[in-house]
Amino acid sequence: MGKDDKMSTHLDGLETCDLHTRTPYGIRDVSMTQLIIARFYGGAKFNGEKYTYFPGTDELVRDDVLKWKKKQKKGVKHERAT
């Protein structure tokens, strides 16, 4: 799979995210950084924050951001159902 064939990023839709910005919401192209070890462990800790690794997009996403996105998605589904 070439670089252009990657699925859309897990970092889309964070424009309204009000979580802290002391650490990045996510890190792209992990396999080209010192955080490559995250590929083998499914995640990493960076500056005290836990990140989950997504091999399809080769990125780390902060766990609280994933939780926030899940909550947002659930809210959108709930609004559509009513």
PDB file of N, CA and C in Angstrom:
ATOM      1  N   MET A   1       0.846  -1.166   0.000  1.00  0.00           N
ATOM      2  CA  MET A   1       0.000   0.000   0.000  1.00  0.00           C
ATOM      3  C   MET A   1       0.896   1.235   0.000  1.00  0.00           C
ATOM      4  N   GLY A   2       0.725   2.094  -0.964  1.00  0.00           N
ATOM      5  CA  GLY A   2       1.516   3.312  -1.068  1.00  0.00           C
ATOM      6  C   GLY A   2       1.006   4.385  -0.135  1.00  0.00           C
ATOM      7  N   LYS A   3       1.790   5.413   0.044  1.00  0.00           N
ATOM      8  CA  LYS A   3       1.427   6.501   0.945  1.00  0.00           C
ATOM      9  C   LYS A   3       0.107   7.158   0.542  1.00  0.00           C
ATOM     10  N   ASP A   4      -0.152   7.266  -0.751  1.00  0.00           N
ATOM     11  CA  ASP A   4      -1.378   7.894  -1.234  1.00  0.00           C
ATOM     12  C   ASP A   4      -2.603   7.008  -1.048  1.00  0.00           C
ATOM     13  N   ASP A   5      -2.389   5.702  -0.768  1.00  0.00           N
ATOM     14  CA  ASP A   5      -3.487   4.765  -0.619  1.00  0.00           C
ATOM     15  C   ASP A   5      -4.027   4.690   0.806  1.00  0.00           C
ATOM     16  N   LYS A   6      -3.470   5.450   1.733  1.00  0.00           N
ATOM     17  CA  LYS A   6      -3.900   5.390   3.123  1.00  0.00           C
ATOM     18  C   LYS A   6      -5.338   5.874   3.258  1.00  0.00           C
ATOM     19  N   MET A   7      -6.058   5.269   4.220  1.00  0.00           N
ATOM     20  CA  MET A   7      -7.415   5.721   4.493  1.00  0.00           C
ATOM     21  C   MET A   7      -7.363   7.097   5.143  1.00  0.00           C
ATOM     22  N   SER A   8      -8.486   7.749   5.265  1.00  0.00           N
ATOM     23  CA  SER A   8      -8.491   9.081   5.869  1.00  0.00           C
ATOM     24  C   SER A   8      -7.997   8.997   7.311  1.00  0.00           C
ATOM     25  N   THR A   9      -7.468  10.075   7.782  1.00  0.00           N
ATOM     26  CA  THR A   9      -6.863  10.116   9.103  1.00  0.00           C
ATOM     27  C   THR A   9      -7.895  10.072  10.229  1.00  0.00           C
ATOM     28  N   HIS A  10      -7.477   9.573  11.366  1.00  0.00           N
ATOM     29  CA  HIS A  10      -8.322   9.562  12.559  1.00  0.00           C
ATOM     30  C   HIS A  10      -8.325  10.936  13.223  1.00  0.00           C
ATOM     31  N   LEU A  11      -7.556  11.853  12.671  1.00  0.00           N
ATOM     32  CA  LEU A  11      -7.445  13.195  13.238  1.00  0.00           C
ATOM     33  C   LEU A  11      -8.383  14.198  12.579  1.00  0.00           C
ATOM     34  N   ASP A  12      -9.193  13.745  11.644  1.00  0.00           N
ATOM     35  CA  ASP A  12     -10.174  14.631  11.015  1.00  0.00           C
ATOM     36  C   ASP A  12     -11.288  14.956  12.003  1.00  0.00           C
ATOM     37  N   GLY A  13     -11.848  16.127  11.896  1.00  0.00           N
ATOM     38  CA  GLY A  13     -13.008  16.498  12.702  1.00  0.00           C
ATOM     39  C   GLY A  13     -12.692  16.994  14.098  1.00  0.00           C
ATOM     40  N   LEU A  14     -11.467  17.423  14.328  1.00  0.00           N
ATOM     41  CA  LEU A  14     -11.097  17.885  15.663  1.00  0.00           C
ATOM     42  C   LEU A  14     -11.154  19.403  15.806  1.00  0.00           C
ATOM     43  N   GLU A  15     -11.739  20.075  14.853  1.00  0.00           N
ATOM     44  CA  GLU A  15     -11.793  21.537  14.872  1.00  0.00           C
ATOM     45  C   GLU A  15     -12.494  22.067  16.119  1.00  0.00           C
ATOM     46  N   THR A  16     -13.507  21.357  16.601  1.00  0.00           N
ATOM     47  CA  THR A  16     -14.264  21.821  17.762  1.00  0.00           C
ATOM     48  C   THR A  16     -13.839  21.140  19.058  1.00  0.00           C
ATOM     49  N   CYS A  17     -12.784  20.356  19.001  1.00  0.00           N
ATOM     50  CA  CYS A  17     -12.301  19.633  20.186  1.00  0.00           C
ATOM     51  C   CYS A  17     -11.758  20.644  21.196  1.00  0.00           C
ATOM     52  N   ASP A  18     -12.246  20.556  22.426  1.00  0.00           N
ATOM     53  CA  ASP A  18     -11.821  21.502  23.456  1.00  0.00           C
ATOM     54  C   ASP A  18     -10.871  20.879  24.481  1.00  0.00           C
ATOM     55  N   LEU A  19     -10.244  19.772  24.135  1.00  0.00           N
ATOM     56  CA  LEU A  19      -9.281  19.127  25.019  1.00  0.00           C
ATOM     57  C   LEU A  19      -7.983  19.930  25.053  1.00  0.00           C
ATOM     58  N   HIS A  20      -7.171  19.683  26.065  1.00  0.00           N
ATOM     59  CA  HIS A  20      -5.923  20.434  26.207  1.00  0.00           C
ATOM     60  C   HIS A  20      -5.004  20.221  25.004  1.00  0.00           C
ATOM     61  N   THR A  21      -4.115  21.161  24.801  1.00  0.00           N
ATOM     62  CA  THR A  21      -3.176  21.083  23.675  1.00  0.00           C
ATOM     63  C   THR A  21      -1.726  21.069  24.157  1.00  0.00           C
ATOM     64  N   ARG A  22      -1.504  20.634  25.405  1.00  0.00           N
ATOM     65  CA  ARG A  22      -0.131  20.521  25.914  1.00  0.00           C
ATOM     66  C   ARG A  22       0.661  19.488  25.115  1.00  0.00           C
ATOM     67  N   THR A  23      -0.041  18.491  24.624  1.00  0.00           N
ATOM     68  CA  THR A  23       0.562  17.488  23.746  1.00  0.00           C
ATOM     69  C   THR A  23      -0.287  17.416  22.486  1.00  0.00           C
ATOM     70  N   PRO A  24       0.293  16.974  21.379  1.00  0.00           N
ATOM     71  CA  PRO A  24      -0.489  16.927  20.132  1.00  0.00           C
ATOM     72  C   PRO A  24      -1.636  15.923  20.215  1.00  0.00           C
ATOM     73  N   TYR A  25      -2.718  16.227  19.506  1.00  0.00           N
ATOM     74  CA  TYR A  25      -3.845  15.293  19.429  1.00  0.00           C
ATOM     75  C   TYR A  25      -3.409  13.990  18.777  1.00  0.00           C
ATOM     76  N   GLY A  26      -2.499  14.083  17.833  1.00  0.00           N
ATOM     77  CA  GLY A  26      -2.025  12.896  17.136  1.00  0.00           C
ATOM     78  C   GLY A  26      -0.689  13.134  16.468  1.00  0.00           C
ATOM     79  N   ILE A  27      -0.079  12.041  16.069  1.00  0.00           N
ATOM     80  CA  ILE A  27       1.217  12.092  15.398  1.00  0.00           C
ATOM     81  C   ILE A  27       1.119  11.233  14.150  1.00  0.00           C
ATOM     82  N   ARG A  28       1.359  11.833  13.003  1.00  0.00           N
ATOM     83  CA  ARG A  28       1.270  11.114  11.727  1.00  0.00           C
ATOM     84  C   ARG A  28       2.630  10.583  11.306  1.00  0.00           C
ATOM     85  N   ASP A  29       2.628   9.643  10.363  1.00  0.00           N
ATOM     86  CA  ASP A  29       3.842   9.032   9.810  1.00  0.00           C
ATOM     87  C   ASP A  29       4.770   8.515  10.908  1.00  0.00           C
ATOM     88  N   VAL A  30       4.189   7.762  11.818  1.00  0.00           N
ATOM     89  CA  VAL A  30       4.907   7.236  12.978  1.00  0.00           C
ATOM     90  C   VAL A  30       6.105   6.382  12.565  1.00  0.00           C
ATOM     91  N   SER A  31       5.969   5.635  11.488  1.00  0.00           N
ATOM     92  CA  SER A  31       7.060   4.743  11.079  1.00  0.00           C
ATOM     93  C   SER A  31       8.303   5.507  10.631  1.00  0.00           C
ATOM     94  N   MET A  32       8.183   6.827  10.489  1.00  0.00           N
ATOM     95  CA  MET A  32       9.336   7.643  10.094  1.00  0.00           C
ATOM     96  C   MET A  32       9.906   8.420  11.281  1.00  0.00           C
ATOM     97  N   THR A  33       9.481   8.084  12.497  1.00  0.00           N
ATOM     98  CA  THR A  33       9.936   8.796  13.684  1.00  0.00           C
ATOM     99  C   THR A  33      10.527   7.828  14.692  1.00  0.00           C
ATOM    100  N   GLN A  34      11.010   8.366  15.793  1.00  0.00           N
ATOM    101  CA  GLN A  34      11.527   7.532  16.874  1.00  0.00           C
ATOM    102  C   GLN A  34      10.416   6.768  17.576  1.00  0.00           C
ATOM    103  N   LEU A  35       9.179   7.119  17.323  1.00  0.00           N
ATOM    104  CA  LEU A  35       8.041   6.431  17.934  1.00  0.00           C
ATOM    105  C   LEU A  35       7.634   5.174  17.171  1.00  0.00           C
ATOM    106  N   ILE A  36       8.462   4.734  16.258  1.00  0.00           N
ATOM    107  CA  ILE A  36       8.181   3.539  15.458  1.00  0.00           C
ATOM    108  C   ILE A  36       7.900   2.320  16.341  1.00  0.00           C
ATOM    109  N   ILE A  37       8.434   2.309  17.543  1.00  0.00           N
ATOM    110  CA  ILE A  37       8.209   1.199  18.470  1.00  0.00           C
ATOM    111  C   ILE A  37       6.716   1.003  18.755  1.00  0.00           C
ATOM    112  N   ALA A  38       5.926   2.076  18.619  1.00  0.00           N
ATOM    113  CA  ALA A  38       4.482   1.990  18.859  1.00  0.00           C
ATOM    114  C   ALA A  38       3.818   0.998  17.919  1.00  0.00           C
ATOM    115  N   ARG A  39       4.409   0.793  16.759  1.00  0.00           N
ATOM    116  CA  ARG A  39       3.857  -0.171  15.798  1.00  0.00           C
ATOM    117  C   ARG A  39       3.822  -1.571  16.389  1.00  0.00           C
ATOM    118  N   PHE A  40       4.774  -1.900  17.215  1.00  0.00           N
ATOM    119  CA  PHE A  40       4.881  -3.246  17.775  1.00  0.00           C
ATOM    120  C   PHE A  40       4.071  -3.429  19.050  1.00  0.00           C
ATOM    121  N   TYR A  41       3.764  -2.343  19.729  1.00  0.00           N
ATOM    122  CA  TYR A  41       3.034  -2.412  20.993  1.00  0.00           C
ATOM    123  C   TYR A  41       1.590  -1.918  20.892  1.00  0.00           C
ATOM    124  N   GLY A  42       1.200  -1.394  19.756  1.00  0.00           N
ATOM    125  CA  GLY A  42      -0.169  -0.926  19.581  1.00  0.00           C
ATOM    126  C   GLY A  42      -0.422   0.450  20.157  1.00  0.00           C
ATOM    127  N   GLY A  43       0.636   1.079  20.617  1.00  0.00           N
ATOM    128  CA  GLY A  43       0.493   2.412  21.178  1.00  0.00           C
ATOM    129  C   GLY A  43       1.783   2.864  21.817  1.00  0.00           C
ATOM    130  N   ALA A  44       1.741   4.036  22.414  1.00  0.00           N
ATOM    131  CA  ALA A  44       2.926   4.587  23.063  1.00  0.00           C
ATOM    132  C   ALA A  44       2.495   5.644  24.062  1.00  0.00           C
ATOM    133  N   LYS A  45       3.427   5.988  24.918  1.00  0.00           N
ATOM    134  CA  LYS A  45       3.224   7.089  25.846  1.00  0.00           C
ATOM    135  C   LYS A  45       4.163   8.199  25.419  1.00  0.00           C
ATOM    136  N   PHE A  46       3.637   9.400  25.249  1.00  0.00           N
ATOM    137  CA  PHE A  46       4.426  10.530  24.787  1.00  0.00           C
ATOM    138  C   PHE A  46       4.136  11.724  25.689  1.00  0.00           C
ATOM    139  N   ASN A  47       5.142  12.240  26.336  1.00  0.00           N
ATOM    140  CA  ASN A  47       4.998  13.372  27.262  1.00  0.00           C
ATOM    141  C   ASN A  47       3.872  13.149  28.276  1.00  0.00           C
ATOM    142  N   GLY A  48       3.783  11.919  28.789  1.00  0.00           N
ATOM    143  CA  GLY A  48       2.807  11.596  29.827  1.00  0.00           C
ATOM    144  C   GLY A  48       1.417  11.243  29.343  1.00  0.00           C
ATOM    145  N   GLU A  49       1.176  11.306  28.049  1.00  0.00           N
ATOM    146  CA  GLU A  49      -0.144  10.976  27.490  1.00  0.00           C
ATOM    147  C   GLU A  49      -0.084   9.641  26.755  1.00  0.00           C
ATOM    148  N   LYS A  50      -1.162   8.872  26.873  1.00  0.00           N
ATOM    149  CA  LYS A  50      -1.244   7.588  26.178  1.00  0.00           C
ATOM    150  C   LYS A  50      -1.824   7.797  24.782  1.00  0.00           C
ATOM    151  N   TYR A  51      -1.226   7.129  23.811  1.00  0.00           N
ATOM    152  CA  TYR A  51      -1.644   7.191  22.412  1.00  0.00           C
ATOM    153  C   TYR A  51      -1.890   5.782  21.894  1.00  0.00           C
ATOM    154  N   THR A  52      -2.867   5.638  21.010  1.00  0.00           N
ATOM    155  CA  THR A  52      -3.163   4.374  20.342  1.00  0.00           C
ATOM    156  C   THR A  52      -2.643   4.454  18.918  1.00  0.00           C
ATOM    157  N   TYR A  53      -2.047   3.359  18.457  1.00  0.00           N
ATOM    158  CA  TYR A  53      -1.489   3.311  17.099  1.00  0.00           C
ATOM    159  C   TYR A  53      -2.500   2.718  16.129  1.00  0.00           C
ATOM    160  N   PHE A  54      -2.626   3.356  14.963  1.00  0.00           N
ATOM    161  CA  PHE A  54      -3.490   2.869  13.886  1.00  0.00           C
ATOM    162  C   PHE A  54      -2.616   2.556  12.679  1.00  0.00           C
ATOM    163  N   PRO A  55      -2.410   1.261  12.389  1.00  0.00           N
ATOM    164  CA  PRO A  55      -1.516   0.879  11.290  1.00  0.00           C
ATOM    165  C   PRO A  55      -2.014   1.319   9.915  1.00  0.00           C
ATOM    166  N   GLY A  56      -3.309   1.378   9.697  1.00  0.00           N
ATOM    167  CA  GLY A  56      -3.847   1.750   8.392  1.00  0.00           C
ATOM    168  C   GLY A  56      -3.491   3.166   7.978  1.00  0.00           C
ATOM    169  N   THR A  57      -3.345   4.035   8.972  1.00  0.00           N
ATOM    170  CA  THR A  57      -3.012   5.424   8.693  1.00  0.00           C
ATOM    171  C   THR A  57      -1.627   5.799   9.217  1.00  0.00           C
ATOM    172  N   ASP A  58      -0.954   4.850   9.868  1.00  0.00           N
ATOM    173  CA  ASP A  58       0.389   5.045  10.427  1.00  0.00           C
ATOM    174  C   ASP A  58       0.429   6.279  11.317  1.00  0.00           C
ATOM    175  N   GLU A  59      -0.518   6.311  12.271  1.00  0.00           N
ATOM    176  CA  GLU A  59      -0.571   7.461  13.165  1.00  0.00           C
ATOM    177  C   GLU A  59      -0.898   7.033  14.586  1.00  0.00           C
ATOM    178  N   LEU A  60      -0.494   7.877  15.513  1.00  0.00           N
ATOM    179  CA  LEU A  60      -0.842   7.731  16.914  1.00  0.00           C
ATOM    180  C   LEU A  60      -1.888   8.793  17.234  1.00  0.00           C
ATOM    181  N   VAL A  61      -2.910   8.402  17.988  1.00  0.00           N
ATOM    182  CA  VAL A  61      -3.939   9.349  18.391  1.00  0.00           C
ATOM    183  C   VAL A  61      -4.075   9.258  19.906  1.00  0.00           C
ATOM    184  N   ARG A  62      -4.084  10.415  20.535  1.00  0.00           N
ATOM    185  CA  ARG A  62      -4.187  10.478  21.995  1.00  0.00           C
ATOM    186  C   ARG A  62      -5.483   9.814  22.439  1.00  0.00           C
ATOM    187  N   ASP A  63      -5.416   9.004  23.500  1.00  0.00           N
ATOM    188  CA  ASP A  63      -6.572   8.236  23.947  1.00  0.00           C
ATOM    189  C   ASP A  63      -7.758   9.104  24.355  1.00  0.00           C
ATOM    190  N   ASP A  64      -7.515  10.256  24.979  1.00  0.00           N
ATOM    191  CA  ASP A  64      -8.642  11.106  25.355  1.00  0.00           C
ATOM    192  C   ASP A  64      -9.310  11.722  24.129  1.00  0.00           C
ATOM    193  N   VAL A  65      -8.558  11.893  23.054  1.00  0.00           N
ATOM    194  CA  VAL A  65      -9.120  12.391  21.802  1.00  0.00           C
ATOM    195  C   VAL A  65     -10.030  11.321  21.191  1.00  0.00           C
ATOM    196  N   LEU A  66      -9.596  10.069  21.239  1.00  0.00           N
ATOM    197  CA  LEU A  66     -10.423   8.968  20.729  1.00  0.00           C
ATOM    198  C   LEU A  66     -11.733   8.882  21.508  1.00  0.00           C
ATOM    199  N   LYS A  67     -11.642   9.047  22.812  1.00  0.00           N
ATOM    200  CA  LYS A  67     -12.838   9.018  23.659  1.00  0.00           C
ATOM    201  C   LYS A  67     -13.765  10.182  23.294  1.00  0.00           C
ATOM    202  N   TRP A  68     -13.190  11.363  23.078  1.00  0.00           N
ATOM    203  CA  TRP A  68     -13.973  12.536  22.697  1.00  0.00           C
ATOM    204  C   TRP A  68     -14.677  12.297  21.354  1.00  0.00           C
ATOM    205  N   LYS A  69     -13.930  11.735  20.377  1.00  0.00           N
ATOM    206  CA  LYS A  69     -14.514  11.482  19.050  1.00  0.00           C
ATOM    207  C   LYS A  69     -15.660  10.476  19.142  1.00  0.00           C
ATOM    208  N   LYS A  70     -15.481   9.446  19.963  1.00  0.00           N
ATOM    209  CA  LYS A  70     -16.521   8.437  20.132  1.00  0.00           C
ATOM    210  C   LYS A  70     -17.785   9.067  20.714  1.00  0.00           C
ATOM    211  N   LYS A  71     -17.593   9.942  21.688  1.00  0.00           N
ATOM    212  CA  LYS A  71     -18.722  10.641  22.315  1.00  0.00           C
ATOM    213  C   LYS A  71     -19.430  11.537  21.299  1.00  0.00           C
ATOM    214  N   GLN A  72     -18.657  12.227  20.453  1.00  0.00           N
ATOM    215  CA  GLN A  72     -19.235  13.092  19.424  1.00  0.00           C
ATOM    216  C   GLN A  72     -20.041  12.278  18.413  1.00  0.00           C
ATOM    217  N   LYS A  73     -19.472  11.159  17.999  1.00  0.00           N
ATOM    218  CA  LYS A  73     -20.145  10.304  17.019  1.00  0.00           C
ATOM    219  C   LYS A  73     -21.442   9.746  17.605  1.00  0.00           C
ATOM    220  N   LYS A  74     -21.399   9.355  18.864  1.00  0.00           N
ATOM    221  CA  LYS A  74     -22.583   8.827  19.527  1.00  0.00           C
ATOM    222  C   LYS A  74     -23.667   9.896  19.594  1.00  0.00           C
ATOM    223  N   GLY A  75     -23.289  11.138  19.868  1.00  0.00           N
ATOM    224  CA  GLY A  75     -24.241  12.249  19.916  1.00  0.00           C
ATOM    225  C   GLY A  75     -24.891  12.498  18.576  1.00  0.00           C
ATOM    226  N   VAL A  76     -24.122  12.399  17.497  1.00  0.00           N
ATOM    227  CA  VAL A  76     -24.657  12.596  16.149  1.00  0.00           C
ATOM    228  C   VAL A  76     -25.647  11.494  15.804  1.00  0.00           C
ATOM    229  N   LYS A  77     -25.336  10.256  16.137  1.00  0.00           N
ATOM    230  CA  LYS A  77     -26.255   9.144  15.876  1.00  0.00           C
ATOM    231  C   LYS A  77     -27.538   9.320  16.667  1.00  0.00           C
ATOM    232  N   HIS A  78     -27.421   9.761  17.910  1.00  0.00           N
ATOM    233  CA  HIS A  78     -28.582   9.959  18.749  1.00  0.00           C
ATOM    234  C   HIS A  78     -29.473  11.060  18.188  1.00  0.00           C
ATOM    235  N   GLU A  79     -28.893  12.128  17.689  1.00  0.00           N
ATOM    236  CA  GLU A  79     -29.663  13.233  17.103  1.00  0.00           C
ATOM    237  C   GLU A  79     -30.412  12.771  15.862  1.00  0.00           C
ATOM    238  N   ARG A  80     -29.794  11.932  15.058  1.00  0.00           N
ATOM    239  CA  ARG A  80     -30.433  11.439  13.828  1.00  0.00           C
ATOM    240  C   ARG A  80     -31.592  10.513  14.145  1.00  0.00           C
ATOM    241  N   ALA A  81     -31.498   9.759  15.237  1.00  0.00           N
ATOM    242  CA  ALA A  81     -32.536   8.788  15.586  1.00  0.00           C
ATOM    243  C   ALA A  81     -33.811   9.475  16.068  1.00  0.00           C
ATOM    244  N   THR A  82     -33.694  10.684  16.589  1.00  0.00           N
ATOM    245  CA  THR A  82     -34.885  11.354  17.116  1.00  0.00           C
ATOM    246  C   THR A  82     -35.613  12.136  16.078  1.00  0.00           C
TER     247      THR A  82
END
